[in-house]
Amino acid sequence: MGVTRSAPQVSSVLHVGKYYPPHMGGIETHLKALVSYQSATMSVRVVVSNDHPVTRTEILDGASITRVASFGAVASQPLCFSLPWKLAGCNEPLVHLHLPNPWGAQSYLMSGHRGKLIVAHHADTLGRQQLKRIVDPFVRRVMKRAAAIIVTSKKYLDSSEELLDFQDKCHVVPLGIDLDAFGMEAPEEVKAIHEKYGQELIVAVGRLVPYKGFEVLLDAMREIDATLLLIGTGPLREELQARIVALGIQNKVHMLGYVSDTVPYYRASKMLVLPSVSRAESFGLVQVEAMAAGIPVINTDIASGVPEVSVDGVTGITVPPNDPSALARAINRLLDDEETRRRYGLAAKARAYEHFSLQRMAQRTLSVYESVI
C-alpha cells in the first residue's frame, strides 16, 4: 500500500521548525516522520528551538538536528535570539519552514537565506490578538516569499484568512504516518493495560492545552460507564486534575502523562475521542494513529481538516464542539454497539492506508519540492 520511491531531483533540504521530538506535538510528530523518510534519499538538516539555553547538534533519524539555545518562551514562542545567525550559516538550496512559528519566520527573513522556500502552513495564528498584530506582517512576508505553500486539508485552506491571498501557490498534502507501526498487535502490553484499568476503555491523546477540549470530555465522562485514559502533557494538567476531582470522576479517569509508545493503548481501547473546540486543531494526527490501529474515532465538527480525516458515519462519529451531552451520547452509542464499532474500525484502518500513509505524504511533498526547482 506504499508509494514506490523514485530518485529525487532534490539532493538536500533544510527544515525549520519550532521543536523536534522528543518534544511532543502534532507538528513535531509530522516533522520527525517526514525527516526520517527523506533522510534515506537526500541530505536533511533540521534547525529548531531547544528547551534549554544551550545549542546542541546531533544526528537523529538520519538527519542533522540542531536545537538552538532558548531563554524561556513568550506566548508559546521560544526565545531563540541566535536563530537568524544559525540559519544564515546554512546553504541548502531548499528550505521547508513549518508554521505557525512566528520567530522562525522572522529569523528566516533576517537570515538572508536565498534557497527556494516551501512553507508548511499547519495552522493559522489563532488567539492572542495583540501578538497576532505584531507577527502578521512578517508571516505575510514569508508567505509572499514562498515558492509554494503546503496545507494539510482542503477545508482548512478554504477557511483560512491567512491563506486567502495565496491560494494560487497552495498545495493540499494530508499528513501521513508509518501506519504499520500503529497496526501492531502488542498482546502482552494490551493484557497488562486491561488488567490495570479494565476492559471498557476510551483513550484521548494530545497536549493538555485549551483547544483540545479535554474539559468537555471530562464533563461528558459523568454520563459514561467506562474508563478514560488521557495521554499527554501540558500547561492544563493541574487544572484538569482539579476538574476530575470536582466532578467526582477520579475512579474512571486516569491522566497518564507522557507515554513513549501509544500503540498498546489504542489497541486496548474501544475508541479514540478527539474533543477539539477550535480550528487551532488543524488536522488531528492522532486520529490517523487510532485509525491505523483499527479503532473508531469520535471527533468534532470544527472548521479544519479534523472531520475530513475521520468521517462521520464511516470511520466514527462527529459531534458539535463544546457539547458534553452530544459527546457522551456518541461515546455511549459506540460502547453499546459492538458491531458498529467493528465496522467503523475496519473502515478506519482502510481509510488510513488509502489516504494517510507516510509514503504517500512524503511523495506528495517531494512533488511540491520538484515543482519549484
Protein backbone atom coordinates (compact mmCIF):
# COMPACT_ATOMS: atom_id res chain seq x y z
CA MET A 1 0.00 0.00 0.00
CA GLY A 2 3.08 2.26 -0.08
CA VAL A 3 4.34 4.53 -2.81
CA THR A 4 7.49 3.47 -4.65
CA ARG A 5 10.39 5.84 -4.03
CA SER A 6 11.95 7.42 -7.07
CA ALA A 7 15.32 9.14 -7.27
CA PRO A 8 14.62 12.71 -6.15
CA GLN A 9 15.73 15.80 -8.07
CA VAL A 10 16.25 17.44 -4.67
CA SER A 11 19.56 16.48 -3.04
CA SER A 12 19.24 18.38 0.24
CA VAL A 13 16.67 20.24 2.33
CA LEU A 14 16.70 22.39 5.45
CA HIS A 15 13.68 22.08 7.76
CA VAL A 16 12.98 24.96 10.14
CA GLY A 17 10.52 24.13 12.92
CA LYS A 18 9.66 25.19 16.44
CA TYR A 19 10.69 21.96 18.20
CA TYR A 20 11.67 18.38 17.38
CA PRO A 21 10.88 15.14 19.27
CA PRO A 22 11.05 14.02 21.99
CA HIS A 23 9.17 17.31 22.35
CA MET A 24 5.51 16.33 21.96
CA GLY A 25 3.12 17.84 19.43
CA GLY A 26 1.43 17.14 16.11
CA ILE A 27 3.83 19.27 14.06
CA GLU A 28 6.80 17.66 15.79
CA THR A 29 5.44 14.17 15.08
CA HIS A 30 4.90 15.10 11.44
CA LEU A 31 8.37 16.62 11.13
CA LYS A 32 10.05 13.54 12.58
CA ALA A 33 8.17 11.23 10.20
CA LEU A 34 8.99 13.35 7.15
CA VAL A 35 12.65 13.75 8.12
CA SER A 36 13.04 10.01 8.75
CA TYR A 37 11.67 9.23 5.30
CA GLN A 38 13.58 11.93 3.42
CA SER A 39 16.94 11.18 5.02
CA ALA A 40 17.07 7.85 3.18
CA THR A 41 17.39 9.59 -0.19
CA MET A 42 18.70 13.11 0.48
CA SER A 43 20.76 15.17 2.90
CA VAL A 44 18.46 16.59 5.58
CA ARG A 45 19.20 19.24 8.16
CA VAL A 46 16.75 20.45 10.84
CA VAL A 47 17.02 23.66 12.88
CA VAL A 48 14.63 24.07 15.82
CA SER A 49 14.49 25.52 19.33
CA ASN A 50 15.97 23.83 22.35
CA ASP A 51 14.23 23.71 25.73
CA HIS A 52 17.45 24.95 27.38
CA PRO A 53 19.89 27.87 26.99
CA VAL A 54 22.43 25.82 25.07
CA THR A 55 22.79 24.93 21.38
CA ARG A 56 23.28 21.26 20.53
CA THR A 57 23.61 19.38 17.24
CA GLU A 58 23.05 15.64 16.97
CA ILE A 59 22.43 13.02 14.30
CA LEU A 60 18.93 11.67 14.72
CA ASP A 61 16.58 9.90 12.29
CA GLY A 62 19.34 10.07 9.69
CA ALA A 63 19.48 13.87 9.79
CA SER A 64 21.49 16.63 11.44
CA ILE A 65 19.28 18.14 14.17
CA THR A 66 20.37 21.49 15.63
CA ARG A 67 18.49 22.63 18.73
CA VAL A 68 19.19 26.33 19.16
CA ALA A 69 19.59 27.78 22.67
CA SER A 70 16.37 29.30 24.03
CA PHE A 71 15.84 31.52 27.04
CA GLY A 72 12.26 30.85 28.02
CA ALA A 73 9.15 31.49 25.95
CA VAL A 74 6.57 34.24 25.40
CA ALA A 75 3.08 33.24 24.26
CA SER A 76 4.36 29.73 23.48
CA GLN A 77 7.10 31.24 21.30
CA PRO A 78 10.63 30.14 22.33
CA LEU A 79 13.14 32.97 22.68
CA CYS A 80 15.99 31.82 20.42
CA PHE A 81 17.91 35.01 19.79
CA SER A 82 20.66 33.36 17.73
CA LEU A 83 18.30 31.57 15.34
CA PRO A 84 18.73 34.06 12.42
CA TRP A 85 22.51 33.59 12.51
CA LYS A 86 22.17 29.80 12.65
CA LEU A 87 20.00 29.89 9.52
CA ALA A 88 22.37 32.32 7.78
CA GLY A 89 25.09 29.71 8.02
CA CYS A 90 23.06 27.10 6.12
CA ASN A 91 23.45 26.64 2.36
CA GLU A 92 20.76 24.13 1.40
CA PRO A 93 19.04 25.08 -1.88
CA LEU A 94 15.60 24.31 -0.42
CA VAL A 95 14.11 25.46 2.90
CA HIS A 96 10.97 23.87 4.37
CA LEU A 97 9.57 26.23 7.03
CA HIS A 98 6.89 24.87 9.37
CA LEU A 99 4.31 27.39 10.63
CA PRO A 100 2.87 28.64 12.96
CA ASN A 101 6.27 29.67 14.25
CA PRO A 102 6.47 33.49 14.15
CA TRP A 103 10.07 33.81 15.34
CA GLY A 104 11.11 31.06 12.95
CA ALA A 105 9.52 33.04 10.10
CA GLN A 106 11.18 36.29 11.16
CA SER A 107 14.51 34.54 11.68
CA TYR A 108 14.37 33.12 8.18
CA LEU A 109 13.74 36.60 6.75
CA MET A 110 16.58 38.08 8.82
CA SER A 111 19.00 35.33 7.83
CA GLY A 112 19.14 36.33 4.19
CA HIS A 113 18.96 32.67 3.15
CA ARG A 114 18.30 32.57 -0.59
CA GLY A 115 17.20 28.97 -1.04
CA LYS A 116 13.81 28.18 -2.51
CA LEU A 117 11.23 28.43 0.28
CA ILE A 118 8.44 25.93 0.95
CA VAL A 119 6.05 26.91 3.75
CA ALA A 120 4.13 24.19 5.56
CA HIS A 121 1.08 26.02 6.91
CA HIS A 122 -0.08 23.68 9.67
CA ALA A 123 -2.46 26.19 11.25
CA ASP A 124 -3.33 29.88 11.42
CA THR A 125 -2.00 32.05 14.24
CA LEU A 126 -5.10 31.99 16.44
CA GLY A 127 -5.94 33.87 19.63
CA ARG A 128 -3.59 36.34 21.31
CA GLN A 129 -4.79 39.22 19.10
CA GLN A 130 -2.06 41.58 20.31
CA LEU A 131 0.63 39.04 19.35
CA LYS A 132 -1.11 38.40 16.05
CA ARG A 133 -0.96 42.09 15.12
CA ILE A 134 2.78 42.05 15.78
CA VAL A 135 3.62 38.86 13.87
CA ASP A 136 1.19 39.12 10.93
CA PRO A 137 3.42 41.43 8.84
CA PHE A 138 6.42 39.13 8.72
CA VAL A 139 4.28 35.99 8.42
CA ARG A 140 2.76 37.61 5.32
CA ARG A 141 6.24 38.45 4.05
CA VAL A 142 7.22 34.80 4.37
CA MET A 143 4.05 33.74 2.53
CA LYS A 144 4.87 36.14 -0.29
CA ARG A 145 8.45 34.89 -0.39
CA ALA A 146 7.37 31.22 -0.55
CA ALA A 147 7.59 29.39 -3.85
CA ALA A 148 4.88 27.01 -2.60
CA ILE A 149 2.69 26.58 0.48
CA ILE A 150 1.66 23.16 1.78
CA VAL A 151 -1.72 22.89 3.55
CA THR A 152 -2.93 19.69 5.22
CA SER A 153 -6.59 19.82 4.16
CA LYS A 154 -8.89 21.48 1.63
CA LYS A 155 -11.28 22.55 4.40
CA TYR A 156 -8.53 24.41 6.24
CA LEU A 157 -7.36 26.06 3.03
CA ASP A 158 -10.89 27.25 2.24
CA SER A 159 -11.46 28.67 5.73
CA SER A 160 -8.08 30.31 6.40
CA GLU A 161 -7.82 34.10 6.36
CA GLU A 162 -4.03 33.85 6.36
CA LEU A 163 -4.07 31.85 3.12
CA LEU A 164 -6.77 33.90 1.36
CA ASP A 165 -4.32 35.92 -0.75
CA PHE A 166 -2.01 32.99 -1.51
CA GLN A 167 -4.32 30.22 -2.67
CA ASP A 168 -2.71 30.12 -6.11
CA LYS A 169 0.51 28.75 -4.59
CA CYS A 170 -1.13 26.32 -2.12
CA HIS A 171 -0.88 22.53 -2.40
CA VAL A 172 -3.02 20.19 -0.27
CA VAL A 173 -0.88 17.42 1.21
CA PRO A 174 -2.62 15.49 4.03
CA LEU A 175 -0.40 14.36 6.89
CA GLY A 176 0.79 10.77 6.96
CA ILE A 177 2.45 8.37 9.40
CA ASP A 178 4.12 4.97 9.50
CA LEU A 179 0.84 3.07 9.55
CA ASP A 180 2.35 -0.36 10.12
CA ALA A 181 3.84 0.78 13.43
CA PHE A 182 0.34 1.57 14.72
CA GLY A 183 -1.15 -1.64 13.35
CA MET A 184 0.99 -3.89 15.57
CA GLU A 185 -0.89 -6.21 17.92
CA ALA A 186 1.10 -5.80 21.21
CA PRO A 187 -0.89 -8.55 23.02
CA GLU A 188 1.16 -8.63 26.23
CA GLU A 189 1.05 -4.84 26.66
CA VAL A 190 -2.69 -4.78 25.93
CA LYS A 191 -3.27 -7.52 28.50
CA ALA A 192 -1.37 -5.53 31.13
CA ILE A 193 -3.40 -2.39 30.38
CA HIS A 194 -6.67 -4.33 30.69
CA GLU A 195 -5.54 -5.89 33.97
CA LYS A 196 -4.75 -2.45 35.36
CA TYR A 197 -7.66 -0.39 34.03
CA GLY A 198 -10.35 -2.83 32.91
CA GLN A 199 -11.83 -3.73 29.53
CA GLU A 200 -14.15 -0.75 28.90
CA LEU A 201 -11.53 1.78 27.85
CA ILE A 202 -11.66 5.10 25.99
CA VAL A 203 -8.42 6.83 25.00
CA ALA A 204 -7.67 10.50 24.36
CA VAL A 205 -4.22 11.70 23.26
CA GLY A 206 -2.84 15.20 22.97
CA ARG A 207 -1.17 18.16 24.59
CA LEU A 208 -3.06 19.48 27.59
CA VAL A 209 -3.96 22.84 26.08
CA PRO A 210 -7.31 24.68 25.78
CA TYR A 211 -8.13 23.98 22.13
CA LYS A 212 -8.04 20.21 22.69
CA GLY A 213 -11.34 20.42 24.59
CA PHE A 214 -10.42 17.89 27.26
CA GLU A 215 -12.56 19.82 29.77
CA VAL A 216 -15.58 18.97 27.62
CA LEU A 217 -14.60 15.30 27.60
CA LEU A 218 -14.28 15.29 31.40
CA ASP A 219 -17.75 16.78 31.70
CA ALA A 220 -19.08 14.08 29.36
CA MET A 221 -17.49 11.34 31.48
CA ARG A 222 -20.09 11.92 34.19
CA GLU A 223 -22.58 10.17 31.88
CA ILE A 224 -20.31 7.33 30.78
CA ASP A 225 -19.79 3.93 32.38
CA ALA A 226 -16.25 3.34 31.13
CA THR A 227 -12.68 4.39 31.91
CA LEU A 228 -10.88 7.24 30.16
CA LEU A 229 -7.11 7.10 29.67
CA LEU A 230 -5.87 10.63 28.95
CA ILE A 231 -2.35 10.64 27.47
CA GLY A 232 -0.34 13.84 27.21
CA THR A 233 1.41 16.66 28.99
CA GLY A 234 0.89 20.39 29.02
CA PRO A 235 0.04 23.53 30.98
CA LEU A 236 -3.52 22.46 31.86
CA ARG A 237 -2.51 19.33 33.74
CA GLU A 238 -3.20 20.65 37.24
CA GLU A 239 -6.41 22.37 36.13
CA LEU A 240 -7.71 19.18 34.52
CA GLN A 241 -6.73 17.13 37.55
CA ALA A 242 -8.69 19.53 39.78
CA ARG A 243 -11.68 19.27 37.46
CA ILE A 244 -11.61 15.49 37.71
CA VAL A 245 -11.79 15.76 41.48
CA ALA A 246 -14.52 18.41 41.37
CA LEU A 247 -16.63 16.23 39.06
CA GLY A 248 -16.10 13.16 41.25
CA ILE A 249 -14.85 11.01 38.39
CA GLN A 250 -11.46 10.02 39.85
CA ASN A 251 -12.43 6.35 39.66
CA LYS A 252 -12.86 6.41 35.87
CA VAL A 253 -10.36 8.95 34.55
CA HIS A 254 -6.60 8.38 34.58
CA MET A 255 -4.14 11.05 33.42
CA LEU A 256 -1.12 9.11 32.20
CA GLY A 257 1.17 11.98 31.23
CA TYR A 258 3.83 11.29 28.61
CA VAL A 259 3.68 7.80 27.08
CA SER A 260 6.54 6.76 24.78
CA ASP A 261 4.50 4.11 22.94
CA THR A 262 0.79 4.80 22.48
CA VAL A 263 0.14 1.76 20.28
CA PRO A 264 -0.89 -0.63 23.12
CA TYR A 265 -3.30 1.99 24.47
CA TYR A 266 -5.00 2.33 21.08
CA ARG A 267 -5.17 -1.45 20.77
CA ALA A 268 -6.60 -1.80 24.28
CA SER A 269 -9.29 0.87 23.79
CA LYS A 270 -12.67 0.75 22.13
CA MET A 271 -12.32 4.23 20.58
CA LEU A 272 -10.30 7.43 20.40
CA VAL A 273 -12.02 10.66 21.42
CA LEU A 274 -10.72 13.94 19.99
CA PRO A 275 -12.97 16.65 21.53
CA SER A 276 -11.26 19.70 19.95
CA VAL A 277 -13.09 23.01 20.32
CA SER A 278 -11.37 25.29 17.78
CA ARG A 279 -9.66 25.22 14.41
CA ALA A 280 -6.34 25.51 16.21
CA GLU A 281 -6.70 21.73 15.87
CA SER A 282 -5.95 21.83 12.18
CA PHE A 283 -5.75 18.09 11.40
CA GLY A 284 -5.67 15.84 14.46
CA LEU A 285 -2.91 13.41 13.53
CA VAL A 286 -3.77 11.16 16.48
CA GLN A 287 -6.91 10.24 14.54
CA VAL A 288 -4.76 8.58 11.89
CA GLU A 289 -2.81 6.72 14.58
CA ALA A 290 -6.03 5.34 16.08
CA MET A 291 -7.48 4.52 12.66
CA ALA A 292 -4.32 2.58 11.74
CA ALA A 293 -4.80 0.63 14.98
CA GLY A 294 -8.30 -0.26 13.81
CA ILE A 295 -10.46 1.64 16.28
CA PRO A 296 -13.19 4.22 15.53
CA VAL A 297 -12.82 7.92 16.25
CA ILE A 298 -15.18 10.43 17.82
CA ASN A 299 -14.22 13.93 16.68
CA THR A 300 -15.84 17.37 16.44
CA ASP A 301 -17.25 19.40 13.57
CA ILE A 302 -14.76 22.26 13.53
CA ALA A 303 -13.65 24.35 10.54
CA SER A 304 -10.46 22.42 9.88
CA GLY A 305 -9.27 19.11 8.49
CA VAL A 306 -10.35 17.19 11.62
CA PRO A 307 -13.75 15.98 10.31
CA GLU A 308 -12.15 15.23 6.92
CA VAL A 309 -9.76 12.72 8.47
CA SER A 310 -12.27 10.54 10.32
CA VAL A 311 -15.60 10.73 8.52
CA ASP A 312 -18.92 10.80 10.34
CA GLY A 313 -20.87 7.57 9.88
CA VAL A 314 -17.96 5.86 8.11
CA THR A 315 -14.98 5.66 10.47
CA GLY A 316 -16.58 7.12 13.57
CA ILE A 317 -18.92 9.82 14.82
CA THR A 318 -18.61 13.60 14.50
CA VAL A 319 -20.34 15.77 17.12
CA PRO A 320 -20.67 19.53 17.66
CA PRO A 321 -17.77 21.09 19.60
CA ASN A 322 -18.25 22.22 23.20
CA ASP A 323 -21.23 19.88 23.71
CA PRO A 324 -20.63 17.40 26.56
CA SER A 325 -24.06 15.79 26.18
CA ALA A 326 -23.61 15.12 22.45
CA LEU A 327 -20.14 13.77 23.14
CA ALA A 328 -21.45 11.46 25.87
CA ARG A 329 -24.22 10.15 23.60
CA ALA A 330 -21.74 9.34 20.85
CA ILE A 331 -19.37 7.58 23.25
CA ASN A 332 -22.19 5.56 24.81
CA ARG A 333 -23.53 4.62 21.39
CA LEU A 334 -20.20 3.07 20.42
CA LEU A 335 -19.72 1.45 23.82
CA ASP A 336 -23.14 -0.22 23.49
CA ASP A 337 -22.86 -1.28 19.83
CA GLU A 338 -20.03 -3.72 19.21
CA GLU A 339 -21.00 -4.33 15.57
CA THR A 340 -20.88 -0.62 14.73
CA ARG A 341 -17.53 -0.30 16.50
CA ARG A 342 -16.17 -3.21 14.48
CA ARG A 343 -17.49 -1.81 11.18
CA TYR A 344 -16.15 1.68 11.84
CA GLY A 345 -12.80 0.26 12.97
CA LEU A 346 -12.34 -1.73 9.78
CA ALA A 347 -13.30 1.27 7.65
CA ALA A 348 -10.95 3.46 9.68
CA LYS A 349 -7.98 1.21 9.02
CA ALA A 350 -8.77 1.04 5.31
CA ARG A 351 -9.10 4.82 5.08
CA ALA A 352 -5.82 5.36 6.91
CA TYR A 353 -3.94 3.14 4.45
CA GLU A 354 -5.64 4.67 1.43
CA HIS A 355 -5.10 8.33 2.31
CA PHE A 356 -2.68 8.89 5.20
CA SER A 357 0.43 6.77 4.74
CA LEU A 358 3.87 8.26 5.32
CA GLN A 359 4.93 7.18 1.84
CA ARG A 360 2.01 8.97 0.20
CA MET A 361 2.64 12.17 2.18
CA ALA A 362 6.38 12.11 1.52
CA GLN A 363 5.94 11.53 -2.20
CA ARG A 364 3.44 14.38 -2.48
CA THR A 365 5.80 16.64 -0.55
CA LEU A 366 8.66 15.69 -2.87
CA SER A 367 6.45 16.56 -5.85
CA VAL A 368 5.96 20.04 -4.38
CA TYR A 369 9.72 20.39 -3.93
CA GLU A 370 10.37 19.36 -7.51
CA SER A 371 7.71 21.73 -8.83
CA VAL A 372 9.63 24.75 -7.54
CA ILE A 373 13.13 23.78 -8.70
